[in-house]
């Protein structure tokens, strides 16, 4: 199990706000989901913290359980015409998912920073497993 190297909650919240998990003032992303190579304020190497598929899976899990599952309890979803229901549900659902994804990815990178997990660590474990 990874040992916490930096304060956990501040690192995750800074990342979720799209800020550098180390200092909280530099930008984390230079595009929608593209991580800055280095923090403009503290020069932290942000590109070394792996995000991979974790944020996407976590976003799907959150949206599925917090939005889709409760939505299925409303009778209008089942009784209304699919031509009206599908766009009324899928468009906001897509927007919620896209809005949440960048925040989850930022929080994920903040978590990796707090735990001290880097791409280098993953490559070492993969090489050890192959031996």
C-alpha atoms as a PDB file:
ATOM      1  CA  UNK A   1       0.000   0.000   0.000  1.00  0.00           C
ATOM      2  CA  UNK A   2       1.276   3.453  -0.896  1.00  0.00           C
ATOM      3  CA  UNK A   3       2.356   5.737   1.904  1.00  0.00           C
ATOM      4  CA  UNK A   4       0.946   9.275   1.970  1.00  0.00           C
ATOM      5  CA  UNK A   5       3.809  11.634   1.117  1.00  0.00           C
ATOM      6  CA  UNK A   6       1.847  14.922   0.900  1.00  0.00           C
ATOM      7  CA  UNK A   7      -1.378  16.149   2.555  1.00  0.00           C
ATOM      8  CA  UNK A   8      -4.144  14.061   1.001  1.00  0.00           C
ATOM      9  CA  UNK A   9      -7.280  16.228   1.135  1.00  0.00           C
ATOM     10  CA  UNK A  10      -5.680  19.502  -0.027  1.00  0.00           C
ATOM     11  CA  UNK A  11      -3.909  17.726  -2.894  1.00  0.00           C
ATOM     12  CA  UNK A  12      -7.098  16.045  -4.126  1.00  0.00           C
ATOM     13  CA  UNK A  13      -9.219  19.216  -3.785  1.00  0.00           C
ATOM     14  CA  UNK A  14      -6.620  21.342  -5.568  1.00  0.00           C
ATOM     15  CA  UNK A  15      -6.506  18.849  -8.407  1.00  0.00           C
ATOM     16  CA  UNK A  16     -10.306  18.690  -8.594  1.00  0.00           C
ATOM     17  CA  UNK A  17     -10.355  22.476  -8.970  1.00  0.00           C
ATOM     18  CA  UNK A  18      -7.954  22.171 -11.924  1.00  0.00           C
ATOM     19  CA  UNK A  19      -4.990  23.521  -9.981  1.00  0.00           C
ATOM     20  CA  UNK A  20      -1.543  22.126  -9.276  1.00  0.00           C
ATOM     21  CA  UNK A  21      -1.836  19.660  -6.374  1.00  0.00           C
ATOM     22  CA  UNK A  22       1.492  20.844  -4.952  1.00  0.00           C
ATOM     23  CA  UNK A  23       0.961  24.608  -4.722  1.00  0.00           C
ATOM     24  CA  UNK A  24      -2.683  25.183  -5.674  1.00  0.00           C
ATOM     25  CA  UNK A  25      -1.955  28.210  -7.837  1.00  0.00           C
ATOM     26  CA  UNK A  26      -0.693  26.853 -11.183  1.00  0.00           C
ATOM     27  CA  UNK A  27      -3.005  25.365 -13.803  1.00  0.00           C
ATOM     28  CA  UNK A  28      -3.242  21.578 -13.986  1.00  0.00           C
ATOM     29  CA  UNK A  29      -4.668  21.360 -17.519  1.00  0.00           C
ATOM     30  CA  UNK A  30      -3.697  23.275 -20.641  1.00  0.00           C
ATOM     31  CA  UNK A  31      -6.662  21.841 -22.584  1.00  0.00           C
ATOM     32  CA  UNK A  32      -9.803  20.034 -21.526  1.00  0.00           C
ATOM     33  CA  UNK A  33      -7.993  16.914 -20.253  1.00  0.00           C
ATOM     34  CA  UNK A  34      -4.381  17.569 -21.297  1.00  0.00           C
ATOM     35  CA  UNK A  35      -2.139  17.856 -18.247  1.00  0.00           C
ATOM     36  CA  UNK A  36       0.458  20.634 -18.127  1.00  0.00           C
ATOM     37  CA  UNK A  37       3.999  19.254 -18.285  1.00  0.00           C
ATOM     38  CA  UNK A  38       5.170  21.451 -15.391  1.00  0.00           C
ATOM     39  CA  UNK A  39       3.439  23.812 -12.976  1.00  0.00           C
ATOM     40  CA  UNK A  40       3.999  27.418 -13.976  1.00  0.00           C
ATOM     41  CA  UNK A  41       4.176  28.490 -10.306  1.00  0.00           C
ATOM     42  CA  UNK A  42       6.162  25.845  -8.434  1.00  0.00           C
ATOM     43  CA  UNK A  43       7.744  23.907 -11.348  1.00  0.00           C
ATOM     44  CA  UNK A  44       6.295  20.560 -10.153  1.00  0.00           C
ATOM     45  CA  UNK A  45       6.509  17.879 -12.860  1.00  0.00           C
ATOM     46  CA  UNK A  46       2.776  17.232 -13.358  1.00  0.00           C
ATOM     47  CA  UNK A  47       3.126  14.935 -16.377  1.00  0.00           C
ATOM     48  CA  UNK A  48       4.640  12.143 -14.303  1.00  0.00           C
ATOM     49  CA  UNK A  49       1.476  11.393 -12.318  1.00  0.00           C
ATOM     50  CA  UNK A  50      -0.502   8.649 -14.076  1.00  0.00           C
ATOM     51  CA  UNK A  51      -4.194   9.079 -14.733  1.00  0.00           C
ATOM     52  CA  UNK A  52      -4.728   6.379 -17.388  1.00  0.00           C
ATOM     53  CA  UNK A  53      -8.293   5.001 -17.309  1.00  0.00           C
ATOM     54  CA  UNK A  54      -9.006   5.487 -13.592  1.00  0.00           C
ATOM     55  CA  UNK A  55     -10.790   8.852 -13.895  1.00  0.00           C
ATOM     56  CA  UNK A  56     -13.012   7.605 -16.722  1.00  0.00           C
ATOM     57  CA  UNK A  57     -14.059   4.506 -14.776  1.00  0.00           C
ATOM     58  CA  UNK A  58     -14.689   6.527 -11.617  1.00  0.00           C
ATOM     59  CA  UNK A  59     -16.727   9.112 -13.542  1.00  0.00           C
ATOM     60  CA  UNK A  60     -18.879   6.394 -15.119  1.00  0.00           C
ATOM     61  CA  UNK A  61     -19.349   4.803 -11.698  1.00  0.00           C
ATOM     62  CA  UNK A  62     -20.394   8.101 -10.103  1.00  0.00           C
ATOM     63  CA  UNK A  63     -22.748   9.167 -12.887  1.00  0.00           C
ATOM     64  CA  UNK A  64     -24.266   5.710 -13.118  1.00  0.00           C
ATOM     65  CA  UNK A  65     -24.983   5.430  -9.428  1.00  0.00           C
ATOM     66  CA  UNK A  66     -25.822   9.033  -8.578  1.00  0.00           C
ATOM     67  CA  UNK A  67     -27.753  10.060 -11.708  1.00  0.00           C
ATOM     68  CA  UNK A  68     -28.865   7.097 -13.826  1.00  0.00           C
ATOM     69  CA  UNK A  69     -29.968   4.707 -11.080  1.00  0.00           C
ATOM     70  CA  UNK A  70     -32.219   7.227  -9.270  1.00  0.00           C
ATOM     71  CA  UNK A  71     -33.597   8.373 -12.613  1.00  0.00           C
ATOM     72  CA  UNK A  72     -34.952   4.899 -13.257  1.00  0.00           C
ATOM     73  CA  UNK A  73     -37.344   5.250 -10.308  1.00  0.00           C
ATOM     74  CA  UNK A  74     -39.331   7.997 -12.038  1.00  0.00           C
ATOM     75  CA  UNK A  75     -42.308   6.551 -13.971  1.00  0.00           C
ATOM     76  CA  UNK A  76     -42.134   9.234 -16.653  1.00  0.00           C
ATOM     77  CA  UNK A  77     -38.912   7.654 -17.910  1.00  0.00           C
ATOM     78  CA  UNK A  78     -40.816   4.453 -18.706  1.00  0.00           C
ATOM     79  CA  UNK A  79     -44.182   5.916 -19.732  1.00  0.00           C
ATOM     80  CA  UNK A  80     -43.187   8.802 -22.010  1.00  0.00           C
ATOM     81  CA  UNK A  81     -42.315   8.453 -25.669  1.00  0.00           C
ATOM     82  CA  UNK A  82     -38.693   7.404 -26.249  1.00  0.00           C
ATOM     83  CA  UNK A  83     -38.408  10.174 -28.864  1.00  0.00           C
ATOM     84  CA  UNK A  84     -38.895  12.734 -26.097  1.00  0.00           C
ATOM     85  CA  UNK A  85     -37.283  10.855 -23.213  1.00  0.00           C
ATOM     86  CA  UNK A  86     -33.987   9.839 -24.806  1.00  0.00           C
ATOM     87  CA  UNK A  87     -32.804  13.331 -25.841  1.00  0.00           C
ATOM     88  CA  UNK A  88     -34.119  14.809 -22.582  1.00  0.00           C
ATOM     89  CA  UNK A  89     -32.049  12.315 -20.608  1.00  0.00           C
ATOM     90  CA  UNK A  90     -28.988  11.659 -22.765  1.00  0.00           C
ATOM     91  CA  UNK A  91     -28.025  15.271 -23.491  1.00  0.00           C
ATOM     92  CA  UNK A  92     -27.915  16.392 -19.820  1.00  0.00           C
ATOM     93  CA  UNK A  93     -26.306  13.071 -18.902  1.00  0.00           C
ATOM     94  CA  UNK A  94     -23.517  13.646 -21.455  1.00  0.00           C
ATOM     95  CA  UNK A  95     -23.008  17.210 -20.208  1.00  0.00           C
ATOM     96  CA  UNK A  96     -22.846  16.074 -16.568  1.00  0.00           C
ATOM     97  CA  UNK A  97     -20.349  13.363 -17.486  1.00  0.00           C
ATOM     98  CA  UNK A  98     -18.110  15.732 -19.454  1.00  0.00           C
ATOM     99  CA  UNK A  99     -18.247  18.338 -16.683  1.00  0.00           C
ATOM    100  CA  UNK A 100     -17.398  15.772 -14.017  1.00  0.00           C
ATOM    101  CA  UNK A 101     -14.619  14.018 -15.948  1.00  0.00           C
ATOM    102  CA  UNK A 102     -12.097  16.863 -15.764  1.00  0.00           C
ATOM    103  CA  UNK A 103     -12.750  17.325 -12.048  1.00  0.00           C
ATOM    104  CA  UNK A 104     -12.361  13.616 -11.339  1.00  0.00           C
ATOM    105  CA  UNK A 105      -9.154  13.490 -13.400  1.00  0.00           C
ATOM    106  CA  UNK A 106      -7.769  16.477 -11.487  1.00  0.00           C
ATOM    107  CA  UNK A 107      -8.652  14.845  -8.177  1.00  0.00           C
ATOM    108  CA  UNK A 108      -7.094  11.601  -9.366  1.00  0.00           C
ATOM    109  CA  UNK A 109      -3.840  13.374 -10.233  1.00  0.00           C
ATOM    110  CA  UNK A 110      -3.969  15.076  -6.827  1.00  0.00           C
ATOM    111  CA  UNK A 111      -4.337  11.646  -5.220  1.00  0.00           C
ATOM    112  CA  UNK A 112      -1.366  10.290  -7.180  1.00  0.00           C
ATOM    113  CA  UNK A 113       0.659  13.328  -6.086  1.00  0.00           C
ATOM    114  CA  UNK A 114      -0.299  12.853  -2.423  1.00  0.00           C
ATOM    115  CA  UNK A 115       0.596   9.166  -2.533  1.00  0.00           C
ATOM    116  CA  UNK A 116       3.805   9.808  -4.490  1.00  0.00           C
ATOM    117  CA  UNK A 117       2.791   7.440  -7.293  1.00  0.00           C
ATOM    118  CA  UNK A 118       4.517   8.264 -10.590  1.00  0.00           C
ATOM    119  CA  UNK A 119       4.792   6.715 -14.057  1.00  0.00           C
ATOM    120  CA  UNK A 120       8.288   5.571 -13.123  1.00  0.00           C
ATOM    121  CA  UNK A 121       6.830   3.507 -10.253  1.00  0.00           C
ATOM    122  CA  UNK A 122       4.345   1.816 -12.592  1.00  0.00           C
ATOM    123  CA  UNK A 123       7.061   0.916 -15.107  1.00  0.00           C
ATOM    124  CA  UNK A 124       9.168  -0.627 -12.351  1.00  0.00           C
ATOM    125  CA  UNK A 125       6.252  -2.771 -11.115  1.00  0.00           C
ATOM    126  CA  UNK A 126       5.417  -3.850 -14.676  1.00  0.00           C
ATOM    127  CA  UNK A 127       9.032  -4.843 -15.310  1.00  0.00           C
ATOM    128  CA  UNK A 128       9.135  -6.795 -12.025  1.00  0.00           C
ATOM    129  CA  UNK A 129       5.930  -8.650 -12.927  1.00  0.00           C
ATOM    130  CA  UNK A 130       7.339  -9.627 -16.322  1.00  0.00           C
ATOM    131  CA  UNK A 131      10.430 -11.247 -14.715  1.00  0.00           C
END
